Amino acid sequence: GANNIGSLVITLPVRGGAKGGDLVLSHETITNADGGSKIIHYPALDENDGVKWCAFYTDVVHEVKPVQEGYRVTLTFHLWAMSSIGQVPRSVKNPKIS
């Protein structure tokens, strides 16, 4: 079968940028120099930035902070590992539209 192993988030530049809307990642194995837990921030982009991307495993705690001003545009993909070549995950064969 197929197993969801992570996510890929592609952040697009937006005219005027955004205030807030940071993607925040944390994981027990990510530490800073003093051994404490480290949190990684990926800020929203403005029109002068290029396209940015971030990929992380499913066990990484992640959160998108509220956008306070402007817009944050992302494309988010679930990453799947296949146990056999040629199989398609059920969610791709029969997507649920809500």
C-alpha atoms as a PDB file:
ATOM      1  CA  GLY A   1       0.000   0.000   0.000  1.00  0.00           C
ATOM      2  CA  ALA A   2       0.859   3.642   0.087  1.00  0.00           C
ATOM      3  CA  ASN A   3       2.067   5.573   3.096  1.00  0.00           C
ATOM      4  CA  ASN A   4       1.961   9.337   3.548  1.00  0.00           C
ATOM      5  CA  ILE A   5       5.546  10.244   4.464  1.00  0.00           C
ATOM      6  CA  GLY A   6       5.483  14.026   4.412  1.00  0.00           C
ATOM      7  CA  SER A   7       4.442  17.294   2.850  1.00  0.00           C
ATOM      8  CA  LEU A   8       5.882  19.671   0.283  1.00  0.00           C
ATOM      9  CA  VAL A   9       4.878  23.327   0.618  1.00  0.00           C
ATOM     10  CA  ILE A  10       5.664  25.729  -2.228  1.00  0.00           C
ATOM     11  CA  THR A  11       5.249  29.404  -1.316  1.00  0.00           C
ATOM     12  CA  LEU A  12       4.647  31.843  -4.156  1.00  0.00           C
ATOM     13  CA  PRO A  13       5.651  35.516  -4.128  1.00  0.00           C
ATOM     14  CA  VAL A  14       2.712  37.911  -3.787  1.00  0.00           C
ATOM     15  CA  ARG A  15       2.508  41.584  -4.769  1.00  0.00           C
ATOM     16  CA  GLY A  16       2.575  43.621  -1.592  1.00  0.00           C
ATOM     17  CA  GLY A  17       3.665  40.637   0.497  1.00  0.00           C
ATOM     18  CA  ALA A  18       2.078  39.620   3.751  1.00  0.00           C
ATOM     19  CA  LYS A  19       2.411  40.333   7.423  1.00  0.00           C
ATOM     20  CA  GLY A  20       2.254  37.119   9.414  1.00  0.00           C
ATOM     21  CA  GLY A  21       1.432  33.795   7.804  1.00  0.00           C
ATOM     22  CA  ASP A  22       4.745  32.164   8.756  1.00  0.00           C
ATOM     23  CA  LEU A  23       5.081  28.405   8.385  1.00  0.00           C
ATOM     24  CA  VAL A  24       6.511  27.196  11.708  1.00  0.00           C
ATOM     25  CA  LEU A  25       8.178  23.775  12.038  1.00  0.00           C
ATOM     26  CA  SER A  26       9.409  21.987  15.140  1.00  0.00           C
ATOM     27  CA  HIS A  27      10.604  18.477  15.904  1.00  0.00           C
ATOM     28  CA  GLU A  28      12.160  16.778  18.910  1.00  0.00           C
ATOM     29  CA  THR A  29      15.331  16.015  16.902  1.00  0.00           C
ATOM     30  CA  ILE A  30      15.889  19.654  15.882  1.00  0.00           C
ATOM     31  CA  THR A  31      17.842  21.475  18.561  1.00  0.00           C
ATOM     32  CA  ASN A  32      19.679  24.758  18.888  1.00  0.00           C
ATOM     33  CA  ALA A  33      23.241  25.245  20.170  1.00  0.00           C
ATOM     34  CA  ASP A  34      22.286  25.032  23.866  1.00  0.00           C
ATOM     35  CA  GLY A  35      20.352  21.775  23.339  1.00  0.00           C
ATOM     36  CA  GLY A  36      16.917  23.329  23.558  1.00  0.00           C
ATOM     37  CA  SER A  37      14.129  22.705  21.098  1.00  0.00           C
ATOM     38  CA  LYS A  38      14.466  24.743  17.912  1.00  0.00           C
ATOM     39  CA  ILE A  39      11.599  26.215  15.941  1.00  0.00           C
ATOM     40  CA  ILE A  40      12.105  27.055  12.275  1.00  0.00           C
ATOM     41  CA  HIS A  41      10.111  29.918  10.688  1.00  0.00           C
ATOM     42  CA  TYR A  42       9.457  30.206   6.956  1.00  0.00           C
ATOM     43  CA  PRO A  43       7.987  33.684   6.405  1.00  0.00           C
ATOM     44  CA  ALA A  44       5.434  34.626   3.775  1.00  0.00           C
ATOM     45  CA  LEU A  45       7.007  36.183   0.673  1.00  0.00           C
ATOM     46  CA  ASP A  46       6.626  39.469  -1.147  1.00  0.00           C
ATOM     47  CA  GLU A  47       6.884  40.170  -4.872  1.00  0.00           C
ATOM     48  CA  ASN A  48      10.673  40.610  -4.719  1.00  0.00           C
ATOM     49  CA  ASP A  49      11.264  37.102  -3.382  1.00  0.00           C
ATOM     50  CA  GLY A  50      11.493  34.047  -5.573  1.00  0.00           C
ATOM     51  CA  VAL A  51       9.472  30.875  -5.162  1.00  0.00           C
ATOM     52  CA  LYS A  52      10.432  29.083  -1.934  1.00  0.00           C
ATOM     53  CA  TRP A  53       9.757  25.517  -0.897  1.00  0.00           C
ATOM     54  CA  CYS A  54       9.923  23.401   2.221  1.00  0.00           C
ATOM     55  CA  ALA A  55       9.510  19.638   2.613  1.00  0.00           C
ATOM     56  CA  PHE A  56       9.102  17.816   5.905  1.00  0.00           C
ATOM     57  CA  TYR A  57       8.176  14.386   7.260  1.00  0.00           C
ATOM     58  CA  THR A  58       4.742  13.691   8.765  1.00  0.00           C
ATOM     59  CA  ASP A  59       6.142  13.573  12.322  1.00  0.00           C
ATOM     60  CA  VAL A  60       7.274  17.217  12.134  1.00  0.00           C
ATOM     61  CA  VAL A  61       4.900  19.491  14.030  1.00  0.00           C
ATOM     62  CA  HIS A  62       3.877  22.325  11.728  1.00  0.00           C
ATOM     63  CA  GLU A  63       1.600  25.318  11.895  1.00  0.00           C
ATOM     64  CA  VAL A  64       0.756  28.263   9.673  1.00  0.00           C
ATOM     65  CA  LYS A  65       0.413  31.455  11.694  1.00  0.00           C
ATOM     66  CA  PRO A  66      -2.532  33.731  10.836  1.00  0.00           C
ATOM     67  CA  VAL A  67      -2.012  36.250   8.045  1.00  0.00           C
ATOM     68  CA  GLN A  68      -2.518  39.678   9.591  1.00  0.00           C
ATOM     69  CA  GLU A  69      -2.222  41.724   6.418  1.00  0.00           C
ATOM     70  CA  GLY A  70      -1.938  40.922   2.704  1.00  0.00           C
ATOM     71  CA  TYR A  71      -1.959  37.438   1.211  1.00  0.00           C
ATOM     72  CA  ARG A  72      -0.013  34.183   1.528  1.00  0.00           C
ATOM     73  CA  VAL A  73      -0.244  31.831  -1.446  1.00  0.00           C
ATOM     74  CA  THR A  74       1.007  28.253  -1.191  1.00  0.00           C
ATOM     75  CA  LEU A  75       0.694  24.962  -3.014  1.00  0.00           C
ATOM     76  CA  THR A  76       0.773  22.020  -0.610  1.00  0.00           C
ATOM     77  CA  PHE A  77       1.346  18.422  -1.657  1.00  0.00           C
ATOM     78  CA  HIS A  78       1.184  15.228   0.392  1.00  0.00           C
ATOM     79  CA  LEU A  79       4.184  12.996  -0.319  1.00  0.00           C
ATOM     80  CA  TRP A  80       3.557   9.265  -0.619  1.00  0.00           C
ATOM     81  CA  ALA A  81       5.871   6.259  -0.482  1.00  0.00           C
ATOM     82  CA  MET A  82       4.737   3.273  -2.480  1.00  0.00           C
ATOM     83  CA  SER A  83       5.424  -0.284  -1.392  1.00  0.00           C
ATOM     84  CA  SER A  84       5.081  -1.418  -4.995  1.00  0.00           C
ATOM     85  CA  ILE A  85       5.654   0.404  -8.275  1.00  0.00           C
ATOM     86  CA  GLY A  86       2.489   1.245 -10.167  1.00  0.00           C
ATOM     87  CA  GLN A  87       0.106   1.521  -7.237  1.00  0.00           C
ATOM     88  CA  VAL A  88      -1.913   4.692  -6.837  1.00  0.00           C
ATOM     89  CA  PRO A  89      -2.961   5.812  -3.331  1.00  0.00           C
ATOM     90  CA  ARG A  90      -6.692   5.486  -2.695  1.00  0.00           C
ATOM     91  CA  SER A  91      -6.994   9.215  -1.997  1.00  0.00           C
ATOM     92  CA  VAL A  92      -5.679   9.947  -5.509  1.00  0.00           C
ATOM     93  CA  LYS A  93      -7.968   7.408  -7.194  1.00  0.00           C
ATOM     94  CA  ASN A  94     -11.070   8.590  -5.295  1.00  0.00           C
ATOM     95  CA  PRO A  95     -10.492  12.135  -4.061  1.00  0.00           C
ATOM     96  CA  LYS A  96     -13.062  13.592  -1.699  1.00  0.00           C
ATOM     97  CA  ILE A  97     -14.179  17.065  -2.665  1.00  0.00           C
ATOM     98  CA  SER A  98     -15.492  19.201   0.159  1.00  0.00           C
END
